């Protein structure tokens, strides 16, 4: 009797499971098509941002950051849409991502502040490489501007100023750029004395 019950249950479950798998395949294919479509859209957006950035002469590091952020946002949106098409409840996943993003942003607020300040400096260019600037207690020739720091060179030292400081302090850009001996190319070696003839 128990053997007959097990066989009957197996006969009922097997076709139902097969039907569910067959019914799931179109949803899976549709989700895959949706994800690929979002991936293609992200590639097109990246190309558009690159073209726009080259016309506006944005700095390469700002363009790289913008294309990565836009591409990642579109791909994550595509992944969530594809999961929703399959039948996965994405509301809990989105809520979890929101809380995680908030916690990470709170923990890294100084780094994010420097990063955003660096992007704005590279976009608006209040000063350029080679300018002599004074900000707070620091002054020197701007030798490098990246997303986190602006590098100033003096005669004796190199100063890394956080970009956030540049937004909180007044900046004095000097028209007269001093030249430091340490920044000048070394003098040519002396010529050897020629022997008398």
N, C-alpha and C. Protein backbone atom coordinates (compact mmCIF):
# COMPACT_ATOMS: atom_id res chain seq x y z
N UNK A 1 0.81 -1.22 0.00
CA UNK A 1 0.00 0.00 0.00
C UNK A 1 0.85 1.27 0.00
N UNK A 2 1.87 1.41 0.89
CA UNK A 2 2.69 2.62 0.85
C UNK A 2 3.45 2.73 -0.47
N UNK A 3 3.85 1.60 -1.07
CA UNK A 3 4.58 1.63 -2.34
C UNK A 3 3.69 2.18 -3.44
N UNK A 4 2.44 1.79 -3.45
CA UNK A 4 1.50 2.28 -4.46
C UNK A 4 1.28 3.80 -4.30
N UNK A 5 1.20 4.24 -3.05
CA UNK A 5 1.01 5.68 -2.80
C UNK A 5 2.21 6.49 -3.30
N UNK A 6 3.43 5.98 -3.06
CA UNK A 6 4.64 6.67 -3.51
C UNK A 6 4.68 6.72 -5.03
N UNK A 7 4.34 5.60 -5.68
CA UNK A 7 4.35 5.57 -7.15
C UNK A 7 3.31 6.53 -7.73
N UNK A 8 2.14 6.58 -7.09
CA UNK A 8 1.09 7.50 -7.55
C UNK A 8 1.52 8.96 -7.39
N UNK A 9 2.15 9.26 -6.25
CA UNK A 9 2.62 10.62 -6.01
C UNK A 9 3.70 10.99 -7.01
N UNK A 10 4.61 10.05 -7.33
CA UNK A 10 5.68 10.31 -8.30
C UNK A 10 5.09 10.56 -9.69
N UNK A 11 4.04 9.80 -10.02
CA UNK A 11 3.41 10.00 -11.34
C UNK A 11 2.71 11.36 -11.43
N UNK A 12 2.19 11.86 -10.31
CA UNK A 12 1.53 13.17 -10.31
C UNK A 12 2.56 14.30 -10.33
N UNK A 13 3.66 14.14 -9.54
CA UNK A 13 4.65 15.21 -9.40
C UNK A 13 5.51 15.35 -10.66
N UNK A 14 5.90 14.25 -11.29
CA UNK A 14 6.81 14.29 -12.44
C UNK A 14 6.25 15.15 -13.58
N UNK A 15 4.99 14.95 -14.04
CA UNK A 15 4.51 15.81 -15.12
C UNK A 15 4.39 17.27 -14.68
N UNK A 16 4.01 17.51 -13.40
CA UNK A 16 3.86 18.88 -12.93
C UNK A 16 5.21 19.59 -12.93
N UNK A 17 6.27 18.92 -12.47
CA UNK A 17 7.61 19.50 -12.45
C UNK A 17 8.11 19.76 -13.87
N UNK A 18 7.86 18.83 -14.76
CA UNK A 18 8.26 19.01 -16.16
C UNK A 18 7.53 20.20 -16.78
N UNK A 19 6.25 20.32 -16.50
CA UNK A 19 5.48 21.45 -17.03
C UNK A 19 5.99 22.78 -16.48
N UNK A 20 6.37 22.78 -15.21
CA UNK A 20 6.90 24.01 -14.61
C UNK A 20 8.23 24.42 -15.25
N UNK A 21 9.10 23.42 -15.50
CA UNK A 21 10.39 23.72 -16.13
C UNK A 21 10.17 24.24 -17.54
N UNK A 22 9.26 23.58 -18.29
CA UNK A 22 8.98 24.02 -19.66
C UNK A 22 8.35 25.41 -19.64
N UNK A 23 7.49 25.69 -18.67
CA UNK A 23 6.87 27.01 -18.57
C UNK A 23 7.85 28.08 -18.11
N UNK A 24 8.96 27.68 -17.44
CA UNK A 24 9.94 28.63 -16.93
C UNK A 24 10.94 29.06 -18.02
N UNK A 25 11.14 28.21 -19.02
CA UNK A 25 12.13 28.50 -20.07
C UNK A 25 11.82 29.81 -20.81
N UNK A 26 10.57 30.08 -21.24
CA UNK A 26 10.32 31.38 -21.91
C UNK A 26 10.60 32.59 -21.00
N UNK A 27 10.28 32.48 -19.71
CA UNK A 27 10.58 33.58 -18.78
C UNK A 27 12.09 33.80 -18.67
N UNK A 28 12.83 32.69 -18.63
CA UNK A 28 14.28 32.78 -18.54
C UNK A 28 14.87 33.42 -19.80
N UNK A 29 14.37 33.02 -20.95
CA UNK A 29 14.84 33.61 -22.21
C UNK A 29 14.49 35.10 -22.29
N UNK A 30 13.28 35.46 -21.86
CA UNK A 30 12.88 36.86 -21.87
C UNK A 30 13.76 37.69 -20.93
N UNK A 31 14.07 37.14 -19.76
CA UNK A 31 14.96 37.84 -18.82
C UNK A 31 16.34 38.02 -19.42
N UNK A 32 16.84 37.01 -20.12
CA UNK A 32 18.14 37.10 -20.76
C UNK A 32 18.14 38.17 -21.85
N UNK A 33 17.06 38.22 -22.64
CA UNK A 33 16.94 39.24 -23.69
C UNK A 33 16.90 40.64 -23.07
N UNK A 34 16.17 40.80 -21.97
CA UNK A 34 16.08 42.10 -21.29
C UNK A 34 17.46 42.53 -20.79
N UNK A 35 18.19 41.60 -20.17
CA UNK A 35 19.51 41.94 -19.65
C UNK A 35 20.47 42.34 -20.78
N UNK A 36 20.44 41.59 -21.88
CA UNK A 36 21.31 41.91 -23.03
C UNK A 36 20.94 43.28 -23.60
N UNK A 37 19.64 43.59 -23.66
CA UNK A 37 19.20 44.90 -24.15
C UNK A 37 19.73 46.03 -23.26
N UNK A 38 19.64 45.86 -21.95
CA UNK A 38 20.18 46.87 -21.04
C UNK A 38 21.70 47.00 -21.19
N UNK A 39 22.38 45.88 -21.42
CA UNK A 39 23.82 45.89 -21.59
C UNK A 39 24.20 46.68 -22.85
N UNK A 40 23.46 46.47 -23.94
CA UNK A 40 23.70 47.21 -25.18
C UNK A 40 23.42 48.70 -24.97
N UNK A 41 22.34 49.03 -24.26
CA UNK A 41 22.02 50.43 -23.97
C UNK A 41 23.15 51.07 -23.15
N UNK A 42 23.73 50.33 -22.21
CA UNK A 42 24.83 50.89 -21.41
C UNK A 42 26.04 51.19 -22.28
N UNK A 43 26.32 50.32 -23.26
CA UNK A 43 27.44 50.56 -24.18
C UNK A 43 27.18 51.82 -25.01
N UNK A 44 25.94 51.97 -25.50
CA UNK A 44 25.59 53.15 -26.30
C UNK A 44 25.68 54.43 -25.47
N UNK A 45 25.22 54.38 -24.21
CA UNK A 45 25.30 55.56 -23.34
C UNK A 45 26.76 55.92 -23.06
N UNK A 46 27.60 54.91 -22.84
CA UNK A 46 29.02 55.20 -22.59
C UNK A 46 29.64 55.89 -23.80
N UNK A 47 29.32 55.39 -24.99
CA UNK A 47 29.86 56.02 -26.21
C UNK A 47 29.36 57.45 -26.36
N UNK A 48 28.07 57.68 -26.02
CA UNK A 48 27.50 59.03 -26.11
C UNK A 48 28.18 59.98 -25.13
N UNK A 49 28.41 59.51 -23.91
CA UNK A 49 29.07 60.34 -22.90
C UNK A 49 30.50 60.65 -23.34
N UNK A 50 31.19 59.67 -23.90
CA UNK A 50 32.56 59.89 -24.39
C UNK A 50 32.57 60.96 -25.49
N UNK A 51 31.62 60.85 -26.43
CA UNK A 51 31.56 61.82 -27.53
C UNK A 51 31.25 63.21 -26.99
N UNK A 52 30.30 63.28 -26.06
CA UNK A 52 29.94 64.57 -25.45
C UNK A 52 31.12 65.15 -24.68
N UNK A 53 31.81 64.30 -23.95
CA UNK A 53 32.95 64.76 -23.15
C UNK A 53 34.10 65.25 -24.00
N UNK A 54 34.33 64.61 -25.14
CA UNK A 54 35.42 65.07 -26.01
C UNK A 54 35.09 66.43 -26.62
N UNK A 55 33.82 66.71 -26.86
CA UNK A 55 33.43 68.02 -27.41
C UNK A 55 33.53 69.12 -26.35
N UNK A 56 33.25 68.78 -25.09
CA UNK A 56 33.31 69.78 -24.03
C UNK A 56 34.68 69.84 -23.36
N UNK A 57 35.62 69.01 -23.81
CA UNK A 57 36.99 68.98 -23.29
C UNK A 57 37.05 68.66 -21.80
N UNK A 58 36.23 67.71 -21.39
CA UNK A 58 36.30 67.26 -20.00
C UNK A 58 37.57 66.46 -19.79
N UNK A 59 38.06 66.46 -18.58
CA UNK A 59 39.25 65.70 -18.24
C UNK A 59 38.97 64.21 -18.41
N UNK A 60 39.99 63.44 -18.80
CA UNK A 60 39.83 62.01 -19.05
C UNK A 60 39.38 61.25 -17.81
N UNK A 61 39.90 61.63 -16.63
CA UNK A 61 39.52 60.92 -15.40
C UNK A 61 38.05 61.14 -15.07
N UNK A 62 37.52 62.35 -15.35
CA UNK A 62 36.09 62.61 -15.12
C UNK A 62 35.26 61.80 -16.11
N UNK A 63 35.70 61.75 -17.37
CA UNK A 63 34.97 60.97 -18.36
C UNK A 63 34.94 59.49 -18.00
N UNK A 64 36.08 58.97 -17.56
CA UNK A 64 36.13 57.55 -17.16
C UNK A 64 35.17 57.27 -16.03
N UNK A 65 35.18 58.14 -15.02
CA UNK A 65 34.28 57.95 -13.88
C UNK A 65 32.82 58.02 -14.31
N UNK A 66 32.49 59.02 -15.14
CA UNK A 66 31.09 59.17 -15.58
C UNK A 66 30.62 57.96 -16.38
N UNK A 67 31.46 57.47 -17.31
CA UNK A 67 31.05 56.32 -18.11
C UNK A 67 30.90 55.07 -17.25
N UNK A 68 31.78 54.88 -16.27
CA UNK A 68 31.67 53.71 -15.41
C UNK A 68 30.40 53.76 -14.56
N UNK A 69 30.11 54.94 -13.99
CA UNK A 69 28.92 55.07 -13.14
C UNK A 69 27.64 54.87 -13.96
N UNK A 70 27.58 55.50 -15.13
CA UNK A 70 26.38 55.36 -15.98
C UNK A 70 26.22 53.91 -16.44
N UNK A 71 27.31 53.31 -16.90
CA UNK A 71 27.23 51.92 -17.36
C UNK A 71 26.82 50.96 -16.26
N UNK A 72 27.40 51.12 -15.07
CA UNK A 72 27.06 50.24 -13.95
C UNK A 72 25.61 50.42 -13.52
N UNK A 73 25.13 51.67 -13.50
CA UNK A 73 23.74 51.93 -13.12
C UNK A 73 22.77 51.26 -14.09
N UNK A 74 23.05 51.37 -15.38
CA UNK A 74 22.16 50.76 -16.39
C UNK A 74 22.20 49.24 -16.28
N UNK A 75 23.38 48.67 -16.07
CA UNK A 75 23.48 47.20 -15.99
C UNK A 75 22.78 46.68 -14.73
N UNK A 76 22.93 47.36 -13.60
CA UNK A 76 22.24 46.94 -12.38
C UNK A 76 20.72 47.04 -12.56
N UNK A 77 20.27 48.12 -13.22
CA UNK A 77 18.83 48.24 -13.50
C UNK A 77 18.35 47.10 -14.39
N UNK A 78 19.15 46.74 -15.38
CA UNK A 78 18.79 45.61 -16.25
C UNK A 78 18.74 44.30 -15.51
N UNK A 79 19.69 44.09 -14.60
CA UNK A 79 19.71 42.86 -13.81
C UNK A 79 18.47 42.77 -12.92
N UNK A 80 18.11 43.87 -12.27
CA UNK A 80 16.92 43.87 -11.41
C UNK A 80 15.64 43.65 -12.23
N UNK A 81 15.57 44.26 -13.42
CA UNK A 81 14.41 44.06 -14.28
C UNK A 81 14.32 42.61 -14.74
N UNK A 82 15.46 42.03 -15.11
CA UNK A 82 15.48 40.63 -15.55
C UNK A 82 15.07 39.69 -14.42
N UNK A 83 15.56 39.95 -13.21
CA UNK A 83 15.17 39.11 -12.07
C UNK A 83 13.67 39.23 -11.78
N UNK A 84 13.14 40.45 -11.92
CA UNK A 84 11.70 40.64 -11.72
C UNK A 84 10.89 39.90 -12.77
N UNK A 85 11.40 39.80 -14.00
CA UNK A 85 10.72 39.07 -15.07
C UNK A 85 10.66 37.58 -14.77
N UNK A 86 11.72 37.06 -14.18
CA UNK A 86 11.75 35.63 -13.83
C UNK A 86 10.75 35.33 -12.73
N UNK A 87 10.48 36.32 -11.89
CA UNK A 87 9.55 36.11 -10.80
C UNK A 87 10.17 36.30 -9.43
N UNK A 88 11.44 36.75 -9.41
CA UNK A 88 12.12 37.01 -8.13
C UNK A 88 11.58 38.31 -7.56
N UNK A 89 11.30 38.32 -6.26
CA UNK A 89 10.83 39.53 -5.59
C UNK A 89 12.03 40.43 -5.35
N UNK A 90 12.13 41.49 -6.17
CA UNK A 90 13.30 42.37 -6.10
C UNK A 90 13.13 43.51 -5.11
N UNK A 91 11.96 43.67 -4.53
CA UNK A 91 11.75 44.79 -3.60
C UNK A 91 12.66 44.67 -2.37
N UNK A 92 12.81 43.46 -1.84
CA UNK A 92 13.70 43.26 -0.69
C UNK A 92 15.15 43.48 -1.10
N UNK A 93 15.50 43.06 -2.32
CA UNK A 93 16.86 43.25 -2.81
C UNK A 93 17.17 44.74 -2.99
N UNK A 94 16.21 45.49 -3.54
CA UNK A 94 16.41 46.93 -3.72
C UNK A 94 16.53 47.63 -2.37
N UNK A 95 15.69 47.23 -1.42
CA UNK A 95 15.77 47.83 -0.07
C UNK A 95 17.12 47.52 0.57
N UNK A 96 17.59 46.29 0.42
CA UNK A 96 18.89 45.92 0.97
C UNK A 96 20.02 46.70 0.32
N UNK A 97 19.94 46.88 -1.01
CA UNK A 97 20.95 47.68 -1.70
C UNK A 97 20.94 49.13 -1.23
N UNK A 98 19.75 49.67 -0.98
CA UNK A 98 19.64 51.05 -0.50
C UNK A 98 20.28 51.23 0.86
N UNK A 99 20.01 50.29 1.77
CA UNK A 99 20.58 50.38 3.12
C UNK A 99 22.10 50.21 3.06
N UNK A 100 22.57 49.25 2.25
CA UNK A 100 24.01 49.03 2.12
C UNK A 100 24.70 50.25 1.53
N UNK A 101 24.10 50.85 0.51
CA UNK A 101 24.68 52.03 -0.11
C UNK A 101 24.76 53.18 0.88
N UNK A 102 23.71 53.36 1.69
CA UNK A 102 23.71 54.42 2.69
C UNK A 102 24.82 54.20 3.72
N UNK A 103 24.97 52.96 4.18
CA UNK A 103 26.00 52.66 5.19
C UNK A 103 27.40 52.88 4.63
N UNK A 104 27.63 52.43 3.38
CA UNK A 104 28.95 52.61 2.77
C UNK A 104 29.23 54.10 2.54
N UNK A 105 28.22 54.83 2.07
CA UNK A 105 28.41 56.27 1.82
C UNK A 105 28.70 57.02 3.12
N UNK A 106 28.03 56.63 4.20
CA UNK A 106 28.28 57.28 5.49
C UNK A 106 29.70 56.99 5.98
N UNK A 107 30.14 55.74 5.79
CA UNK A 107 31.48 55.37 6.25
C UNK A 107 32.57 56.03 5.41
N UNK A 108 32.29 56.27 4.14
CA UNK A 108 33.31 56.83 3.24
C UNK A 108 33.02 58.27 2.86
N UNK A 109 32.37 59.02 3.74
CA UNK A 109 31.94 60.37 3.36
C UNK A 109 33.11 61.30 3.04
N UNK A 110 34.25 61.16 3.72
CA UNK A 110 35.40 62.00 3.42
C UNK A 110 35.95 61.69 2.03
N UNK A 111 36.07 60.40 1.73
CA UNK A 111 36.59 60.00 0.42
C UNK A 111 35.63 60.43 -0.68
N UNK A 112 34.33 60.26 -0.45
CA UNK A 112 33.35 60.66 -1.45
C UNK A 112 33.35 62.17 -1.62
N UNK A 113 33.51 62.92 -0.51
CA UNK A 113 33.59 64.38 -0.60
C UNK A 113 34.79 64.82 -1.42
N UNK A 114 35.95 64.18 -1.21
CA UNK A 114 37.14 64.50 -2.00
C UNK A 114 36.94 64.13 -3.46
N UNK A 115 36.28 62.99 -3.70
CA UNK A 115 36.05 62.53 -5.07
C UNK A 115 35.15 63.51 -5.82
N UNK A 116 34.04 63.90 -5.20
CA UNK A 116 33.12 64.84 -5.85
C UNK A 116 33.77 66.21 -6.04
N UNK A 117 34.56 66.65 -5.06
CA UNK A 117 35.29 67.92 -5.21
C UNK A 117 36.28 67.83 -6.36
N UNK A 118 36.95 66.68 -6.48
CA UNK A 118 37.90 66.50 -7.57
C UNK A 118 37.22 66.54 -8.93
N UNK A 119 36.03 65.94 -9.01
CA UNK A 119 35.28 65.97 -10.27
C UNK A 119 34.91 67.41 -10.62
N UNK A 120 34.42 68.16 -9.64
CA UNK A 120 34.04 69.55 -9.90
C UNK A 120 35.24 70.40 -10.27
N UNK A 121 36.39 70.17 -9.63
CA UNK A 121 37.60 70.93 -9.98
C UNK A 121 38.01 70.62 -11.42
N UNK A 122 37.96 69.33 -11.79
CA UNK A 122 38.35 68.96 -13.15
C UNK A 122 37.35 69.47 -14.19
N UNK A 123 36.08 69.63 -13.79
CA UNK A 123 35.08 70.13 -14.73
C UNK A 123 35.16 71.65 -14.89
N UNK A 124 35.22 72.37 -13.76
CA UNK A 124 35.17 73.84 -13.81
C UNK A 124 36.54 74.50 -13.95
N UNK A 125 37.60 73.77 -13.60
CA UNK A 125 38.97 74.23 -13.75
C UNK A 125 39.23 75.63 -13.21
N UNK A 126 39.08 75.85 -11.90
CA UNK A 126 39.41 77.18 -11.34
C UNK A 126 40.90 77.48 -11.45
N UNK A 127 41.71 76.44 -11.60
CA UNK A 127 43.15 76.58 -11.84
C UNK A 127 43.58 75.38 -12.67
N UNK A 128 44.76 75.50 -13.23
CA UNK A 128 45.27 74.44 -14.10
C UNK A 128 46.67 74.04 -13.66
N UNK A 129 47.17 72.97 -14.24
CA UNK A 129 48.55 72.57 -13.95
C UNK A 129 49.48 73.71 -14.37
N UNK A 130 50.44 73.99 -13.52
CA UNK A 130 51.38 75.05 -13.82
C UNK A 130 51.03 76.37 -13.14
N UNK A 131 49.77 76.52 -12.67
CA UNK A 131 49.40 77.75 -11.93
C UNK A 131 50.01 77.72 -10.53
N UNK A 132 50.34 78.91 -10.04
CA UNK A 132 50.80 79.05 -8.66
C UNK A 132 49.59 79.43 -7.83
N UNK A 133 49.23 78.60 -6.85
CA UNK A 133 48.05 78.89 -6.03
C UNK A 133 48.41 78.91 -4.56
N UNK A 134 47.55 79.58 -3.79
CA UNK A 134 47.65 79.59 -2.33
C UNK A 134 46.29 79.18 -1.80
N UNK A 135 46.25 78.15 -0.97
CA UNK A 135 45.01 77.70 -0.36
C UNK A 135 45.29 77.43 1.11
N UNK A 136 44.64 78.19 1.99
CA UNK A 136 44.90 78.05 3.42
C UNK A 136 46.35 78.37 3.72
N UNK A 137 47.01 77.44 4.40
CA UNK A 137 48.42 77.64 4.76
C UNK A 137 49.37 77.09 3.71
N UNK A 138 48.84 76.55 2.62
CA UNK A 138 49.67 75.91 1.61
C UNK A 138 49.72 76.75 0.35
N UNK A 139 50.88 76.73 -0.28
CA UNK A 139 51.03 77.39 -1.57
C UNK A 139 52.09 76.67 -2.37
N UNK A 140 51.95 76.77 -3.68
CA UNK A 140 52.92 76.13 -4.56
C UNK A 140 52.39 76.06 -5.98
N UNK A 141 53.19 75.46 -6.85
CA UNK A 141 52.81 75.30 -8.25
C UNK A 141 52.02 74.00 -8.37
N UNK A 142 50.87 74.06 -9.05
CA UNK A 142 50.03 72.88 -9.25
C UNK A 142 50.73 71.98 -10.26
N UNK A 143 51.10 70.78 -9.81
CA UNK A 143 51.76 69.83 -10.71
C UNK A 143 50.85 68.70 -11.12
N UNK A 144 49.81 68.43 -10.33
CA UNK A 144 48.89 67.34 -10.68
C UNK A 144 47.55 67.56 -10.01
N UNK A 145 46.47 67.21 -10.73
CA UNK A 145 45.12 67.25 -10.17
C UNK A 145 44.50 65.91 -10.46
N UNK A 146 44.16 65.16 -9.41
CA UNK A 146 43.44 63.91 -9.63
C UNK A 146 42.14 63.96 -8.86
N UNK A 147 41.46 62.83 -8.78
CA UNK A 147 40.13 62.83 -8.16
C UNK A 147 40.17 62.98 -6.65
N UNK A 148 41.30 62.73 -6.02
CA UNK A 148 41.36 62.81 -4.56
C UNK A 148 42.19 63.99 -4.07
N UNK A 149 43.34 64.22 -4.70
CA UNK A 149 44.27 65.25 -4.23
C UNK A 149 44.65 66.19 -5.36
N UNK A 150 45.06 67.40 -4.97
CA UNK A 150 45.76 68.31 -5.87
C UNK A 150 47.18 68.44 -5.32
N UNK A 151 48.17 68.23 -6.18
CA UNK A 151 49.56 68.23 -5.76
C UNK A 151 50.18 69.59 -6.04
N UNK A 152 50.77 70.18 -4.99
CA UNK A 152 51.49 71.45 -5.10
C UNK A 152 52.98 71.18 -4.89
N UNK A 153 53.80 71.84 -5.70
CA UNK A 153 55.25 71.70 -5.58
C UNK A 153 55.83 73.02 -5.12
N UNK A 154 56.63 72.97 -4.06
CA UNK A 154 57.39 74.14 -3.63
C UNK A 154 58.86 73.86 -3.91
N UNK A 155 59.70 74.76 -3.47
CA UNK A 155 61.13 74.58 -3.73
C UNK A 155 61.69 73.37 -2.98
N UNK A 156 61.11 73.09 -1.81
CA UNK A 156 61.68 72.02 -0.98
C UNK A 156 60.76 70.84 -0.75
N UNK A 157 59.49 70.96 -1.08
CA UNK A 157 58.57 69.86 -0.75
C UNK A 157 57.42 69.75 -1.74
N UNK A 158 56.78 68.59 -1.67
CA UNK A 158 55.58 68.34 -2.47
C UNK A 158 54.42 68.23 -1.49
N UNK A 159 53.34 68.96 -1.75
CA UNK A 159 52.20 69.01 -0.83
C UNK A 159 50.98 68.41 -1.52
N UNK A 160 50.34 67.45 -0.86
CA UNK A 160 49.09 66.87 -1.36
C UNK A 160 47.94 67.52 -0.60
N UNK A 161 47.14 68.31 -1.29
CA UNK A 161 46.01 69.01 -0.67
C UNK A 161 44.74 68.26 -1.03
N UNK A 162 43.94 67.78 -0.04
CA UNK A 162 42.68 67.12 -0.37
C UNK A 162 41.76 68.07 -1.14
N UNK A 163 41.11 67.55 -2.15
CA UNK A 163 40.25 68.40 -2.99
C UNK A 163 39.11 69.03 -2.21
N UNK A 164 38.67 68.36 -1.16
CA UNK A 164 37.59 68.92 -0.34
C UNK A 164 38.04 70.23 0.32
N UNK A 165 39.32 70.30 0.71
CA UNK A 165 39.88 71.52 1.30
C UNK A 165 39.82 72.67 0.30
N UNK A 166 40.06 72.37 -0.97
CA UNK A 166 40.03 73.40 -2.00
C UNK A 166 38.64 74.00 -2.16
N UNK A 167 37.61 73.23 -1.81
CA UNK A 167 36.24 73.75 -1.89
C UNK A 167 35.83 74.49 -0.62
N UNK A 168 36.50 74.22 0.48
CA UNK A 168 36.13 74.86 1.74
C UNK A 168 36.95 76.12 2.01
N UNK A 169 38.10 76.25 1.38
CA UNK A 169 38.99 77.38 1.61
C UNK A 169 38.99 78.29 0.39
N UNK A 170 39.40 79.53 0.60
CA UNK A 170 39.59 80.46 -0.51
C UNK A 170 40.86 80.09 -1.25
N UNK A 171 40.81 80.19 -2.58
CA UNK A 171 41.97 79.87 -3.41
C UNK A 171 42.45 81.16 -4.06
N UNK A 172 43.74 81.42 -3.94
CA UNK A 172 44.34 82.57 -4.61
C UNK A 172 45.20 82.02 -5.74
N UNK A 173 44.84 82.38 -6.97
CA UNK A 173 45.60 81.95 -8.15
C UNK A 173 46.45 83.13 -8.58
N UNK A 174 47.76 82.94 -8.56
CA UNK A 174 48.69 84.03 -8.89
C UNK A 174 48.96 84.04 -10.38
N UNK A 175 49.06 85.25 -10.95
CA UNK A 175 49.39 85.38 -12.37
C UNK A 175 50.88 85.20 -12.61
N UNK A 176 51.68 85.55 -11.61
CA UNK A 176 53.13 85.40 -11.74
C UNK A 176 53.53 84.07 -11.13
N UNK A 177 53.98 83.15 -11.96
CA UNK A 177 54.37 81.84 -11.48
C UNK A 177 55.86 81.83 -11.21
N UNK A 178 56.24 81.67 -9.92
CA UNK A 178 57.68 81.61 -9.64
C UNK A 178 58.27 80.30 -10.14
N UNK A 179 59.53 80.31 -10.46
CA UNK A 179 60.19 79.08 -10.85
C UNK A 179 61.16 78.70 -9.75
N UNK A 180 61.09 77.46 -9.34
CA UNK A 180 61.95 76.98 -8.27
C UNK A 180 63.14 76.26 -8.90
N UNK A 181 64.25 76.34 -8.21
CA UNK A 181 65.46 75.68 -8.72
C UNK A 181 65.25 74.17 -8.83
N UNK A 182 64.45 73.60 -7.90
CA UNK A 182 64.24 72.15 -7.93
C UNK A 182 63.39 71.71 -9.11
N UNK A 183 62.63 72.66 -9.71
CA UNK A 183 61.78 72.31 -10.83
C UNK A 183 62.46 72.59 -12.16
N UNK A 184 63.63 73.22 -12.14
CA UNK A 184 64.35 73.52 -13.37
C UNK A 184 65.15 72.29 -13.79
N UNK A 185 65.36 72.12 -15.10
CA UNK A 185 66.18 70.99 -15.53
C UNK A 185 67.62 71.18 -15.07
N UNK A 186 68.32 70.09 -14.79
CA UNK A 186 69.70 70.24 -14.31
C UNK A 186 70.57 70.87 -15.40
N UNK A 187 71.57 71.64 -14.97
CA UNK A 187 72.46 72.26 -15.96
C UNK A 187 73.25 71.19 -16.71
N UNK A 188 73.64 71.48 -17.94
CA UNK A 188 74.42 70.48 -18.67
C UNK A 188 75.77 70.25 -17.99
N UNK A 189 76.34 69.07 -18.13
CA UNK A 189 77.64 68.81 -17.49
C UNK A 189 78.71 69.68 -18.15
N UNK A 190 79.72 70.06 -17.36
CA UNK A 190 80.78 70.90 -17.95
C UNK A 190 81.56 70.14 -19.01
N UNK A 191 82.02 70.87 -20.00
CA UNK A 191 82.82 70.25 -21.06
C UNK A 191 84.20 69.92 -20.52
N UNK A 192 84.72 68.79 -20.94
CA UNK A 192 86.08 68.49 -20.49
C UNK A 192 87.08 69.44 -21.15
N UNK A 193 88.08 69.78 -20.38
CA UNK A 193 89.13 70.70 -20.90
C UNK A 193 89.89 70.00 -22.00
N UNK A 194 90.12 70.69 -23.09
CA UNK A 194 90.87 70.11 -24.18
C UNK A 194 92.37 70.29 -23.93
N UNK A 195 93.11 69.25 -24.20
CA UNK A 195 94.58 69.36 -23.96
C UNK A 195 95.19 70.35 -24.95
N UNK A 196 96.25 71.06 -24.52
CA UNK A 196 96.90 72.01 -25.44
C UNK A 196 97.56 71.27 -26.60
N UNK A 197 97.60 71.91 -27.76
CA UNK A 197 98.16 71.28 -28.93
C UNK A 197 99.62 71.61 -29.10
